[in-house]
PDB file of N, CA and C in Angstrom:
ATOM      1  N   MET A   1     303.003 171.203 281.967  1.00  0.00           N
ATOM      2  CA  MET A   1     302.867 170.429 283.176  1.00  0.00           C
ATOM      3  C   MET A   1     303.486 171.196 284.346  1.00  0.00           C
ATOM      4  N   GLU A   2     302.742 171.314 285.424  1.00  0.00           N
ATOM      5  CA  GLU A   2     303.179 172.019 286.626  1.00  0.00           C
ATOM      6  C   GLU A   2     303.666 171.001 287.657  1.00  0.00           C
ATOM      7  N   VAL A   3     304.910 171.158 288.131  1.00  0.00           N
ATOM      8  CA  VAL A   3     305.451 170.267 289.153  1.00  0.00           C
ATOM      9  C   VAL A   3     305.075 170.832 290.521  1.00  0.00           C
ATOM     10  N   ILE A   4     304.354 170.034 291.293  1.00  0.00           N
ATOM     11  CA  ILE A   4     303.882 170.436 292.617  1.00  0.00           C
ATOM     12  C   ILE A   4     304.902 170.037 293.683  1.00  0.00           C
ATOM     13  N   TYR A   5     305.531 168.887 293.475  1.00  0.00           N
ATOM     14  CA  TYR A   5     306.465 168.354 294.469  1.00  0.00           C
ATOM     15  C   TYR A   5     307.472 167.453 293.763  1.00  0.00           C
ATOM     16  N   GLN A   6     308.711 167.484 294.225  1.00  0.00           N
ATOM     17  CA  GLN A   6     309.726 166.596 293.675  1.00  0.00           C
ATOM     18  C   GLN A   6     310.791 166.334 294.723  1.00  0.00           C
ATOM     19  N   THR A   7     311.216 165.092 294.822  1.00  0.00           N
ATOM     20  CA  THR A   7     312.269 164.715 295.755  1.00  0.00           C
ATOM     21  C   THR A   7     313.017 163.518 295.193  1.00  0.00           C
ATOM     22  N   LYS A   8     314.132 163.204 295.818  1.00  0.00           N
ATOM     23  CA  LYS A   8     314.955 162.077 295.392  1.00  0.00           C
ATOM     24  C   LYS A   8     315.131 161.125 296.569  1.00  0.00           C
ATOM     25  N   VAL A   9     315.004 159.829 296.299  1.00  0.00           N
ATOM     26  CA  VAL A   9     315.144 158.810 297.335  1.00  0.00           C
ATOM     27  C   VAL A   9     316.623 158.661 297.695  1.00  0.00           C
ATOM     28  N   ASN A  10     316.936 158.863 298.987  1.00  0.00           N
ATOM     29  CA  ASN A  10     318.317 158.761 299.467  1.00  0.00           C
ATOM     30  C   ASN A  10     318.623 157.435 300.139  1.00  0.00           C
ATOM     31  N   LYS A  11     317.597 156.854 300.766  1.00  0.00           N
ATOM     32  CA  LYS A  11     317.818 155.632 301.532  1.00  0.00           C
ATOM     33  C   LYS A  11     316.496 154.901 301.702  1.00  0.00           C
ATOM     34  N   LEU A  12     316.575 153.578 301.801  1.00  0.00           N
ATOM     35  CA  LEU A  12     315.397 152.759 302.060  1.00  0.00           C
ATOM     36  C   LEU A  12     315.575 152.073 303.405  1.00  0.00           C
ATOM     37  N   GLY A  13     314.568 152.208 304.266  1.00  0.00           N
ATOM     38  CA  GLY A  13     314.606 151.475 305.523  1.00  0.00           C
ATOM     39  C   GLY A  13     314.575 149.979 305.234  1.00  0.00           C
ATOM     40  N   PRO A  14     315.165 149.157 306.076  1.00  0.00           N
ATOM     41  CA  PRO A  14     315.242 147.723 305.813  1.00  0.00           C
ATOM     42  C   PRO A  14     313.889 147.011 305.768  1.00  0.00           C
ATOM     43  N   LEU A  15     312.843 147.644 306.275  1.00  0.00           N
ATOM     44  CA  LEU A  15     311.526 147.003 306.314  1.00  0.00           C
ATOM     45  C   LEU A  15     310.521 147.611 305.333  1.00  0.00           C
ATOM     46  N   VAL A  16     310.985 148.441 304.402  1.00  0.00           N
ATOM     47  CA  VAL A  16     310.099 149.101 303.429  1.00  0.00           C
ATOM     48  C   VAL A  16     309.242 148.087 302.674  1.00  0.00           C
ATOM     49  N   GLU A  17     309.848 147.013 302.226  1.00  0.00           N
ATOM     50  CA  GLU A  17     309.127 146.054 301.383  1.00  0.00           C
ATOM     51  C   GLU A  17     308.040 145.292 302.128  1.00  0.00           C
ATOM     52  N   GLU A  18     308.057 145.327 303.457  1.00  0.00           N
ATOM     53  CA  GLU A  18     307.007 144.646 304.214  1.00  0.00           C
ATOM     54  C   GLU A  18     305.626 145.236 303.941  1.00  0.00           C
ATOM     55  N   PHE A  19     305.571 146.479 303.497  1.00  0.00           N
ATOM     56  CA  PHE A  19     304.284 147.121 303.199  1.00  0.00           C
ATOM     57  C   PHE A  19     303.842 146.932 301.746  1.00  0.00           C
ATOM     58  N   TYR A  20     304.711 146.406 300.893  1.00  0.00           N
ATOM     59  CA  TYR A  20     304.362 146.239 299.479  1.00  0.00           C
ATOM     60  C   TYR A  20     303.145 145.323 299.296  1.00  0.00           C
ATOM     61  N   ASP A  21     303.036 144.270 300.096  1.00  0.00           N
ATOM     62  CA  ASP A  21     301.877 143.375 299.977  1.00  0.00           C
ATOM     63  C   ASP A  21     300.577 144.080 300.340  1.00  0.00           C
ATOM     64  N   GLU A  22     300.680 145.136 301.141  1.00  0.00           N
ATOM     65  CA  GLU A  22     299.493 145.912 301.519  1.00  0.00           C
ATOM     66  C   GLU A  22     299.269 147.085 300.568  1.00  0.00           C
ATOM     67  N   LYS A  23     300.028 147.114 299.462  1.00  0.00           N
ATOM     68  CA  LYS A  23     299.941 148.185 298.456  1.00  0.00           C
ATOM     69  C   LYS A  23     300.178 149.547 299.094  1.00  0.00           C
ATOM     70  N   MET A  24     301.261 149.633 299.873  1.00  0.00           N
ATOM     71  CA  MET A  24     301.511 150.830 300.656  1.00  0.00           C
ATOM     72  C   MET A  24     303.009 151.147 300.707  1.00  0.00           C
ATOM     73  N   MET A  25     303.320 152.448 300.718  1.00  0.00           N
ATOM     74  CA  MET A  25     304.675 152.949 300.918  1.00  0.00           C
ATOM     75  C   MET A  25     304.593 154.136 301.862  1.00  0.00           C
ATOM     76  N   ILE A  26     305.650 154.332 302.651  1.00  0.00           N
ATOM     77  CA  ILE A  26     305.686 155.457 303.581  1.00  0.00           C
ATOM     78  C   ILE A  26     306.892 156.329 303.240  1.00  0.00           C
ATOM     79  N   LEU A  27     306.622 157.604 303.008  1.00  0.00           N
ATOM     80  CA  LEU A  27     307.690 158.573 302.738  1.00  0.00           C
ATOM     81  C   LEU A  27     307.973 159.367 304.005  1.00  0.00           C
ATOM     82  N   PHE A  28     309.250 159.661 304.232  1.00  0.00           N
ATOM     83  CA  PHE A  28     309.623 160.505 305.358  1.00  0.00           C
ATOM     84  C   PHE A  28     310.941 161.183 305.007  1.00  0.00           C
ATOM     85  N   LYS A  29     311.066 162.434 305.401  1.00  0.00           N
ATOM     86  CA  LYS A  29     312.331 163.138 305.223  1.00  0.00           C
ATOM     87  C   LYS A  29     313.407 162.388 306.001  1.00  0.00           C
ATOM     88  N   GLU A  30     314.654 162.468 305.566  1.00  0.00           N
ATOM     89  CA  GLU A  30     315.704 161.614 306.119  1.00  0.00           C
ATOM     90  C   GLU A  30     316.010 161.841 307.596  1.00  0.00           C
ATOM     91  N   ASP A  31     315.393 162.830 308.218  1.00  0.00           N
ATOM     92  CA  ASP A  31     315.574 163.007 309.663  1.00  0.00           C
ATOM     93  C   ASP A  31     314.468 162.317 310.467  1.00  0.00           C
ATOM     94  N   ALA A  32     313.859 161.307 309.886  1.00  0.00           N
ATOM     95  CA  ALA A  32     312.790 160.556 310.554  1.00  0.00           C
ATOM     96  C   ALA A  32     313.311 159.918 311.838  1.00  0.00           C
ATOM     97  N   PRO A  33     312.451 159.803 312.852  1.00  0.00           N
ATOM     98  CA  PRO A  33     312.854 159.082 314.061  1.00  0.00           C
ATOM     99  C   PRO A  33     313.287 157.656 313.695  1.00  0.00           C
ATOM    100  N   ALA A  34     314.324 157.159 314.350  1.00  0.00           N
ATOM    101  CA  ALA A  34     314.918 155.857 314.006  1.00  0.00           C
ATOM    102  C   ALA A  34     313.898 154.728 313.971  1.00  0.00           C
ATOM    103  N   GLU A  35     312.953 154.715 314.919  1.00  0.00           N
ATOM    104  CA  GLU A  35     311.980 153.622 314.958  1.00  0.00           C
ATOM    105  C   GLU A  35     311.013 153.651 313.772  1.00  0.00           C
ATOM    106  N   LEU A  36     310.831 154.815 313.161  1.00  0.00           N
ATOM    107  CA  LEU A  36     309.990 154.918 311.961  1.00  0.00           C
ATOM    108  C   LEU A  36     310.797 154.749 310.679  1.00  0.00           C
ATOM    109  N   ALA A  37     312.036 155.194 310.695  1.00  0.00           N
ATOM    110  CA  ALA A  37     312.881 155.174 309.491  1.00  0.00           C
ATOM    111  C   ALA A  37     313.027 153.769 308.919  1.00  0.00           C
ATOM    112  N   GLU A  38     312.974 152.757 309.767  1.00  0.00           N
ATOM    113  CA  GLU A  38     313.100 151.369 309.292  1.00  0.00           C
ATOM    114  C   GLU A  38     312.047 151.018 308.253  1.00  0.00           C
ATOM    115  N   TYR A  39     310.887 151.663 308.316  1.00  0.00           N
ATOM    116  CA  TYR A  39     309.757 151.345 307.441  1.00  0.00           C
ATOM    117  C   TYR A  39     309.593 152.336 306.292  1.00  0.00           C
ATOM    118  N   CYS A  40     310.491 153.311 306.208  1.00  0.00           N
ATOM    119  CA  CYS A  40     310.264 154.444 305.315  1.00  0.00           C
ATOM    120  C   CYS A  40     311.201 154.526 304.124  1.00  0.00           C
ATOM    121  N   ILE A  41     310.683 155.177 303.092  1.00  0.00           N
ATOM    122  CA  ILE A  41     311.474 155.629 301.956  1.00  0.00           C
ATOM    123  C   ILE A  41     311.946 157.019 302.350  1.00  0.00           C
ATOM    124  N   LEU A  42     313.251 157.170 302.536  1.00  0.00           N
ATOM    125  CA  LEU A  42     313.798 158.416 303.064  1.00  0.00           C
ATOM    126  C   LEU A  42     314.317 159.305 301.938  1.00  0.00           C
ATOM    127  N   HIS A  43     314.009 160.601 302.045  1.00  0.00           N
ATOM    128  CA  HIS A  43     314.371 161.575 301.009  1.00  0.00           C
ATOM    129  C   HIS A  43     314.842 162.860 301.663  1.00  0.00           C
ATOM    130  N   SER A  44     315.414 163.758 300.863  1.00  0.00           N
ATOM    131  CA  SER A  44     315.963 164.988 301.440  1.00  0.00           C
ATOM    132  C   SER A  44     315.145 166.230 301.113  1.00  0.00           C
ATOM    133  N   GLU A  45     314.718 166.368 299.885  1.00  0.00           N
ATOM    134  CA  GLU A  45     313.992 167.580 299.488  1.00  0.00           C
ATOM    135  C   GLU A  45     312.592 167.588 300.077  1.00  0.00           C
ATOM    136  N   ASN A  46     312.106 168.774 300.362  1.00  0.00           N
ATOM    137  CA  ASN A  46     310.809 168.886 301.012  1.00  0.00           C
ATOM    138  C   ASN A  46     310.085 170.145 300.552  1.00  0.00           C
ATOM    139  N   ASN A  47     310.134 170.430 299.261  1.00  0.00           N
ATOM    140  CA  ASN A  47     309.541 171.655 298.732  1.00  0.00           C
ATOM    141  C   ASN A  47     308.219 171.366 298.048  1.00  0.00           C
ATOM    142  N   LEU A  48     307.139 171.774 298.679  1.00  0.00           N
ATOM    143  CA  LEU A  48     305.800 171.612 298.127  1.00  0.00           C
ATOM    144  C   LEU A  48     305.412 172.936 297.483  1.00  0.00           C
ATOM    145  N   ASN A  49     305.187 172.921 296.174  1.00  0.00           N
ATOM    146  CA  ASN A  49     304.881 174.139 295.412  1.00  0.00           C
ATOM    147  C   ASN A  49     303.413 174.147 294.999  1.00  0.00           C
ATOM    148  N   GLY A  50     302.539 174.328 295.964  1.00  0.00           N
ATOM    149  CA  GLY A  50     301.117 174.295 295.682  1.00  0.00           C
ATOM    150  C   GLY A  50     300.456 173.193 296.477  1.00  0.00           C
ATOM    151  N   GLU A  51     299.184 172.965 296.197  1.00  0.00           N
ATOM    152  CA  GLU A  51     298.411 171.981 296.932  1.00  0.00           C
ATOM    153  C   GLU A  51     298.177 170.752 296.067  1.00  0.00           C
ATOM    154  N   ILE A  52     298.444 169.583 296.619  1.00  0.00           N
ATOM    155  CA  ILE A  52     298.188 168.325 295.910  1.00  0.00           C
ATOM    156  C   ILE A  52     296.686 168.109 295.877  1.00  0.00           C
ATOM    157  N   LYS A  53     296.176 167.733 294.698  1.00  0.00           N
ATOM    158  CA  LYS A  53     294.738 167.543 294.524  1.00  0.00           C
ATOM    159  C   LYS A  53     294.438 166.227 293.822  1.00  0.00           C
ATOM    160  N   LYS A  54     293.227 165.760 294.026  1.00  0.00           N
ATOM    161  CA  LYS A  54     292.726 164.590 293.312  1.00  0.00           C
ATOM    162  C   LYS A  54     292.871 164.859 291.807  1.00  0.00           C
ATOM    163  N   GLY A  55     293.339 163.871 291.057  1.00  0.00           N
ATOM    164  CA  GLY A  55     293.531 164.035 289.622  1.00  0.00           C
ATOM    165  C   GLY A  55     294.962 164.365 289.234  1.00  0.00           C
ATOM    166  N   ASP A  56     295.782 164.811 290.214  1.00  0.00           N
ATOM    167  CA  ASP A  56     297.203 165.032 289.942  1.00  0.00           C
ATOM    168  C   ASP A  56     297.870 163.680 289.687  1.00  0.00           C
ATOM    169  N   THR A  57     299.116 163.700 289.265  1.00  0.00           N
ATOM    170  CA  THR A  57     299.855 162.478 288.963  1.00  0.00           C
ATOM    171  C   THR A  57     301.083 162.370 289.845  1.00  0.00           C
ATOM    172  N   LEU A  58     301.255 161.201 290.459  1.00  0.00           N
ATOM    173  CA  LEU A  58     302.467 160.903 291.195  1.00  0.00           C
ATOM    174  C   LEU A  58     303.323 160.014 290.291  1.00  0.00           C
ATOM    175  N   GLN A  59     304.589 160.365 290.180  1.00  0.00           N
ATOM    176  CA  GLN A  59     305.512 159.591 289.351  1.00  0.00           C
ATOM    177  C   GLN A  59     306.640 159.071 290.234  1.00  0.00           C
ATOM    178  N   ILE A  60     306.901 157.777 290.132  1.00  0.00           N
ATOM    179  CA  ILE A  60     308.045 157.158 290.795  1.00  0.00           C
ATOM    180  C   ILE A  60     308.913 156.606 289.684  1.00  0.00           C
ATOM    181  N   ASP A  61     310.118 157.145 289.578  1.00  0.00           N
ATOM    182  CA  ASP A  61     310.998 156.816 288.468  1.00  0.00           C
ATOM    183  C   ASP A  61     310.241 157.197 287.193  1.00  0.00           C
ATOM    184  N   HIS A  62     309.879 156.253 286.345  1.00  0.00           N
ATOM    185  CA  HIS A  62     309.138 156.586 285.127  1.00  0.00           C
ATOM    186  C   HIS A  62     307.740 155.964 285.132  1.00  0.00           C
ATOM    187  N   HIS A  63     307.223 155.641 286.313  1.00  0.00           N
ATOM    188  CA  HIS A  63     305.907 155.024 286.435  1.00  0.00           C
ATOM    189  C   HIS A  63     304.932 156.047 287.004  1.00  0.00           C
ATOM    190  N   ASN A  64     303.806 156.232 286.321  1.00  0.00           N
ATOM    191  CA  ASN A  64     302.820 157.233 286.709  1.00  0.00           C
ATOM    192  C   ASN A  64     301.605 156.603 287.371  1.00  0.00           C
ATOM    193  N   TYR A  65     301.094 157.298 288.396  1.00  0.00           N
ATOM    194  CA  TYR A  65     299.913 156.868 289.130  1.00  0.00           C
ATOM    195  C   TYR A  65     299.006 158.072 289.336  1.00  0.00           C
ATOM    196  N   ARG A  66     297.751 157.944 288.948  1.00  0.00           N
ATOM    197  CA  ARG A  66     296.784 159.025 289.131  1.00  0.00           C
ATOM    198  C   ARG A  66     296.369 159.064 290.600  1.00  0.00           C
ATOM    199  N   ILE A  67     296.296 160.266 291.167  1.00  0.00           N
ATOM    200  CA  ILE A  67     295.878 160.450 292.559  1.00  0.00           C
ATOM    201  C   ILE A  67     294.356 160.425 292.612  1.00  0.00           C
ATOM    202  N   THR A  68     293.804 159.505 293.440  1.00  0.00           N
ATOM    203  CA  THR A  68     292.350 159.366 293.536  1.00  0.00           C
ATOM    204  C   THR A  68     291.768 160.005 294.796  1.00  0.00           C
ATOM    205  N   ALA A  69     292.605 160.266 295.803  1.00  0.00           N
ATOM    206  CA  ALA A  69     292.135 160.924 297.031  1.00  0.00           C
ATOM    207  C   ALA A  69     293.328 161.499 297.791  1.00  0.00           C
ATOM    208  N   VAL A  70     293.076 162.620 298.473  1.00  0.00           N
ATOM    209  CA  VAL A  70     294.123 163.308 299.238  1.00  0.00           C
ATOM    210  C   VAL A  70     293.623 163.493 300.668  1.00  0.00           C
ATOM    211  N   GLY A  71     294.306 162.877 301.619  1.00  0.00           N
ATOM    212  CA  GLY A  71     293.938 163.029 303.024  1.00  0.00           C
ATOM    213  C   GLY A  71     294.066 164.475 303.470  1.00  0.00           C
ATOM    214  N   SER A  72     293.299 164.852 304.482  1.00  0.00           N
ATOM    215  CA  SER A  72     293.245 166.245 304.929  1.00  0.00           C
ATOM    216  C   SER A  72     294.579 166.759 305.471  1.00  0.00           C
ATOM    217  N   ALA A  73     295.484 165.883 305.890  1.00  0.00           N
ATOM    218  CA  ALA A  73     296.781 166.310 306.437  1.00  0.00           C
ATOM    219  C   ALA A  73     297.944 166.111 305.457  1.00  0.00           C
ATOM    220  N   VAL A  74     297.675 165.615 304.261  1.00  0.00           N
ATOM    221  CA  VAL A  74     298.758 165.302 303.311  1.00  0.00           C
ATOM    222  C   VAL A  74     299.607 166.523 302.992  1.00  0.00           C
ATOM    223  N   ASN A  75     298.997 167.604 302.583  1.00  0.00           N
ATOM    224  CA  ASN A  75     299.773 168.787 302.186  1.00  0.00           C
ATOM    225  C   ASN A  75     300.590 169.347 303.350  1.00  0.00           C
ATOM    226  N   LYS A  76     299.986 169.437 304.521  1.00  0.00           N
ATOM    227  CA  LYS A  76     300.702 169.955 305.696  1.00  0.00           C
ATOM    228  C   LYS A  76     301.843 169.016 306.092  1.00  0.00           C
ATOM    229  N   ASN A  77     301.560 167.715 306.183  1.00  0.00           N
ATOM    230  CA  ASN A  77     302.584 166.758 306.607  1.00  0.00           C
ATOM    231  C   ASN A  77     303.747 166.672 305.613  1.00  0.00           C
ATOM    232  N   LEU A  78     303.429 166.740 304.331  1.00  0.00           N
ATOM    233  CA  LEU A  78     304.492 166.658 303.330  1.00  0.00           C
ATOM    234  C   LEU A  78     305.375 167.900 303.393  1.00  0.00           C
ATOM    235  N   SER A  79     304.763 169.072 303.556  1.00  0.00           N
ATOM    236  CA  SER A  79     305.563 170.301 303.565  1.00  0.00           C
ATOM    237  C   SER A  79     306.369 170.474 304.848  1.00  0.00           C
ATOM    238  N   THR A  80     305.865 169.974 305.984  1.00  0.00           N
ATOM    239  CA  THR A  80     306.586 170.162 307.241  1.00  0.00           C
ATOM    240  C   THR A  80     307.508 169.000 307.599  1.00  0.00           C
ATOM    241  N   LEU A  81     307.055 167.769 307.370  1.00  0.00           N
ATOM    242  CA  LEU A  81     307.817 166.586 307.791  1.00  0.00           C
ATOM    243  C   LEU A  81     308.357 165.758 306.624  1.00  0.00           C
ATOM    244  N   GLY A  82     307.843 166.023 305.424  1.00  0.00           N
ATOM    245  CA  GLY A  82     308.186 165.155 304.298  1.00  0.00           C
ATOM    246  C   GLY A  82     307.596 163.771 304.486  1.00  0.00           C
ATOM    247  N   HIS A  83     306.506 163.683 305.244  1.00  0.00           N
ATOM    248  CA  HIS A  83     305.949 162.392 305.654  1.00  0.00           C
ATOM    249  C   HIS A  83     304.509 162.222 305.204  1.00  0.00           C
ATOM    250  N   ILE A  84     304.280 161.233 304.347  1.00  0.00           N
ATOM    251  CA  ILE A  84     302.932 160.810 303.980  1.00  0.00           C
ATOM    252  C   ILE A  84     302.964 159.307 303.698  1.00  0.00           C
ATOM    253  N   THR A  85     301.784 158.720 303.682  1.00  0.00           N
ATOM    254  CA  THR A  85     301.640 157.318 303.298  1.00  0.00           C
ATOM    255  C   THR A  85     301.028 157.281 301.907  1.00  0.00           C
ATOM    256  N   LEU A  86     301.583 156.459 301.034  1.00  0.00           N
ATOM    257  CA  LEU A  86     301.040 156.245 299.701  1.00  0.00           C
ATOM    258  C   LEU A  86     300.300 154.922 299.709  1.00  0.00           C
ATOM    259  N   LYS A  87     299.046 154.933 299.270  1.00  0.00           N
ATOM    260  CA  LYS A  87     298.269 153.699 299.165  1.00  0.00           C
ATOM    261  C   LYS A  87     297.831 153.545 297.721  1.00  0.00           C
ATOM    262  N   PHE A  88     298.098 152.391 297.166  1.00  0.00           N
ATOM    263  CA  PHE A  88     297.818 152.105 295.763  1.00  0.00           C
ATOM    264  C   PHE A  88     296.575 151.223 295.648  1.00  0.00           C
ATOM    265  N   ASN A  89     295.449 151.703 296.200  1.00  0.00           N
ATOM    266  CA  ASN A  89     294.229 150.897 296.186  1.00  0.00           C
ATOM    267  C   ASN A  89     293.078 151.539 295.413  1.00  0.00           C
ATOM    268  N   GLY A  90     293.267 152.741 294.869  1.00  0.00           N
ATOM    269  CA  GLY A  90     292.267 153.378 294.018  1.00  0.00           C
ATOM    270  C   GLY A  90     291.027 153.876 294.720  1.00  0.00           C
ATOM    271  N   GLU A  91     291.005 153.861 296.028  1.00  0.00           N
ATOM    272  CA  GLU A  91     289.798 154.295 296.742  1.00  0.00           C
ATOM    273  C   GLU A  91     289.585 155.795 296.589  1.00  0.00           C
ATOM    274  N   GLU A  92     288.355 156.209 296.768  1.00  0.00           N
ATOM    275  CA  GLU A  92     287.976 157.614 296.607  1.00  0.00           C
ATOM    276  C   GLU A  92     288.096 158.409 297.902  1.00  0.00           C
ATOM    277  N   GLU A  93     288.243 157.712 299.032  1.00  0.00           N
ATOM    278  CA  GLU A  93     288.383 158.361 300.337  1.00  0.00           C
ATOM    279  C   GLU A  93     289.587 157.748 301.050  1.00  0.00           C
ATOM    280  N   PRO A  94     290.488 158.579 301.594  1.00  0.00           N
ATOM    281  CA  PRO A  94     291.622 158.039 302.353  1.00  0.00           C
ATOM    282  C   PRO A  94     291.150 157.514 303.704  1.00  0.00           C
ATOM    283  N   ASP A  95     291.803 156.465 304.195  1.00  0.00           N
ATOM    284  CA  ASP A  95     291.413 155.934 305.506  1.00  0.00           C
ATOM    285  C   ASP A  95     292.024 156.724 306.658  1.00  0.00           C
ATOM    286  N   LEU A  96     293.117 157.464 306.381  1.00  0.00           N
ATOM    287  CA  LEU A  96     293.759 158.303 307.401  1.00  0.00           C
ATOM    288  C   LEU A  96     294.089 159.670 306.814  1.00  0.00           C
ATOM    289  N   PRO A  97     294.155 160.721 307.626  1.00  0.00           N
ATOM    290  CA  PRO A  97     294.401 162.080 307.120  1.00  0.00           C
ATOM    291  C   PRO A  97     295.734 162.244 306.377  1.00  0.00           C
ATOM    292  N   GLY A  98     296.749 161.451 306.718  1.00  0.00           N
ATOM    293  CA  GLY A  98     298.066 161.580 306.089  1.00  0.00           C
ATOM    294  C   GLY A  98     298.286 160.655 304.912  1.00  0.00           C
ATOM    295  N   THR A  99     297.192 160.145 304.337  1.00  0.00           N
ATOM    296  CA  THR A  99     297.296 159.183 303.237  1.00  0.00           C
ATOM    297  C   THR A  99     296.978 159.826 301.891  1.00  0.00           C
ATOM    298  N   LEU A 100     297.851 159.567 300.926  1.00  0.00           N
ATOM    299  CA  LEU A 100     297.636 159.948 299.534  1.00  0.00           C
ATOM    300  C   LEU A 100     297.275 158.667 298.798  1.00  0.00           C
ATOM    301  N   VAL A 101     296.066 158.625 298.231  1.00  0.00           N
ATOM    302  CA  VAL A 101     295.577 157.413 297.582  1.00  0.00           C
ATOM    303  C   VAL A 101     295.815 157.518 296.077  1.00  0.00           C
ATOM    304  N   LEU A 102     296.336 156.418 295.523  1.00  0.00           N
ATOM    305  CA  LEU A 102     296.665 156.360 294.099  1.00  0.00           C
ATOM    306  C   LEU A 102     295.875 155.250 293.432  1.00  0.00           C
ATOM    307  N   GLU A 103     295.767 155.364 292.113  1.00  0.00           N
ATOM    308  CA  GLU A 103     295.030 154.345 291.375  1.00  0.00           C
ATOM    309  C   GLU A 103     295.609 152.963 291.669  1.00  0.00           C
ATOM    310  N   GLU A 104     294.729 151.968 291.574  1.00  0.00           N
ATOM    311  CA  GLU A 104     295.155 150.605 291.850  1.00  0.00           C
ATOM    312  C   GLU A 104     295.771 149.999 290.601  1.00  0.00           C
ATOM    313  N   LYS A 105     297.081 149.882 290.629  1.00  0.00           N
ATOM    314  CA  LYS A 105     297.814 149.166 289.592  1.00  0.00           C
ATOM    315  C   LYS A 105     299.149 148.738 290.182  1.00  0.00           C
ATOM    316  N   GLU A 106     299.875 147.924 289.474  1.00  0.00           N
ATOM    317  CA  GLU A 106     301.111 147.380 290.021  1.00  0.00           C
ATOM    318  C   GLU A 106     302.056 148.484 290.473  1.00  0.00           C
ATOM    319  N   MET A 107     302.565 148.332 291.690  1.00  0.00           N
ATOM    320  CA  MET A 107     303.483 149.313 292.254  1.00  0.00           C
ATOM    321  C   MET A 107     304.892 149.073 291.732  1.00  0.00           C
ATOM    322  N   ASN A 108     305.559 150.153 291.422  1.00  0.00           N
ATOM    323  CA  ASN A 108     306.972 150.091 291.078  1.00  0.00           C
ATOM    324  C   ASN A 108     307.758 150.091 292.387  1.00  0.00           C
ATOM    325  N   HIS A 109     308.613 149.103 292.581  1.00  0.00           N
ATOM    326  CA  HIS A 109     309.425 149.067 293.800  1.00  0.00           C
ATOM    327  C   HIS A 109     310.463 150.174 293.733  1.00  0.00           C
ATOM    328  N   VAL A 110     310.536 150.943 294.770  1.00  0.00           N
ATOM    329  CA  VAL A 110     311.393 152.121 294.824  1.00  0.00           C
ATOM    330  C   VAL A 110     312.849 151.714 295.035  1.00  0.00           C
ATOM    331  N   GLN A 111     313.748 152.454 294.387  1.00  0.00           N
ATOM    332  CA  GLN A 111     315.185 152.238 294.525  1.00  0.00           C
ATOM    333  C   GLN A 111     315.840 153.553 294.961  1.00  0.00           C
ATOM    334  N   VAL A 112     316.982 153.452 295.633  1.00  0.00           N
ATOM    335  CA  VAL A 112     317.755 154.646 295.968  1.00  0.00           C
ATOM    336  C   VAL A 112     318.111 155.350 294.657  1.00  0.00           C
ATOM    337  N   GLY A 113     317.936 156.659 294.632  1.00  0.00           N
ATOM    338  CA  GLY A 113     318.211 157.446 293.433  1.00  0.00           C
ATOM    339  C   GLY A 113     316.966 157.748 292.614  1.00  0.00           C
ATOM    340  N   ASN A 114     315.853 157.022 292.840  1.00  0.00           N
ATOM    341  CA  ASN A 114     314.611 157.311 292.120  1.00  0.00           C
ATOM    342  C   ASN A 114     314.120 158.715 292.470  1.00  0.00           C
ATOM    343  N   VAL A 115     313.508 159.347 291.498  1.00  0.00           N
ATOM    344  CA  VAL A 115     312.849 160.639 291.708  1.00  0.00           C
ATOM    345  C   VAL A 115     311.355 160.373 291.925  1.00  0.00           C
ATOM    346  N   ILE A 116     310.799 161.013 292.930  1.00  0.00           N
ATOM    347  CA  ILE A 116     309.372 160.972 293.179  1.00  0.00           C
ATOM    348  C   ILE A 116     308.846 162.370 292.901  1.00  0.00           C
ATOM    349  N   LYS A 117     307.846 162.445 292.032  1.00  0.00           N
ATOM    350  CA  LYS A 117     307.356 163.752 291.591  1.00  0.00           C
ATOM    351  C   LYS A 117     305.836 163.733 291.556  1.00  0.00           C
ATOM    352  N   ILE A 118     305.233 164.858 291.918  1.00  0.00           N
ATOM    353  CA  ILE A 118     303.792 165.041 291.786  1.00  0.00           C
ATOM    354  C   ILE A 118     303.586 166.225 290.850  1.00  0.00           C
ATOM    355  N   SER A 119     302.774 166.011 289.823  1.00  0.00           N
ATOM    356  CA  SER A 119     302.562 167.064 288.829  1.00  0.00           C
ATOM    357  C   SER A 119     301.095 167.148 288.428  1.00  0.00           C
ATOM    358  N   ARG A 120     300.772 168.250 287.753  1.00  0.00           N
ATOM    359  CA  ARG A 120     299.417 168.515 287.277  1.00  0.00           C
ATOM    360  C   ARG A 120     299.501 168.931 285.827  1.00  0.00           C
ATOM    361  N   ASP A 121     298.621 168.368 285.002  1.00  0.00           N
ATOM    362  CA  ASP A 121     298.573 168.741 283.575  1.00  0.00           C
ATOM    363  C   ASP A 121     297.924 170.089 283.376  1.00  0.00           C
TER     364      ASP A 121
END
């Protein structure tokens, strides 16, 4: 298994859970602007080792989600800003360039200390 990306959750903005009903999470490196940080899962590491592709697996803690679509700006935004939106709706096309779409299944609520990893078999 090849690890493409890995980071650790350092802090949760107070409004992160407001997006759970929309099957959505927002990742941002911990230097996010204050007005955005309230809605974000904040992390420190920002090392992208390759290109994220459809069919890769995103893991949050010990829960795996197959990637069904990768927005055109996901790889660039993740490597430069640590910022992407995760959508758990299983669609084949992202609605925005910075969206990583994952299979539709129950989302694991993120906790401080969780590892978020993207890998390829």
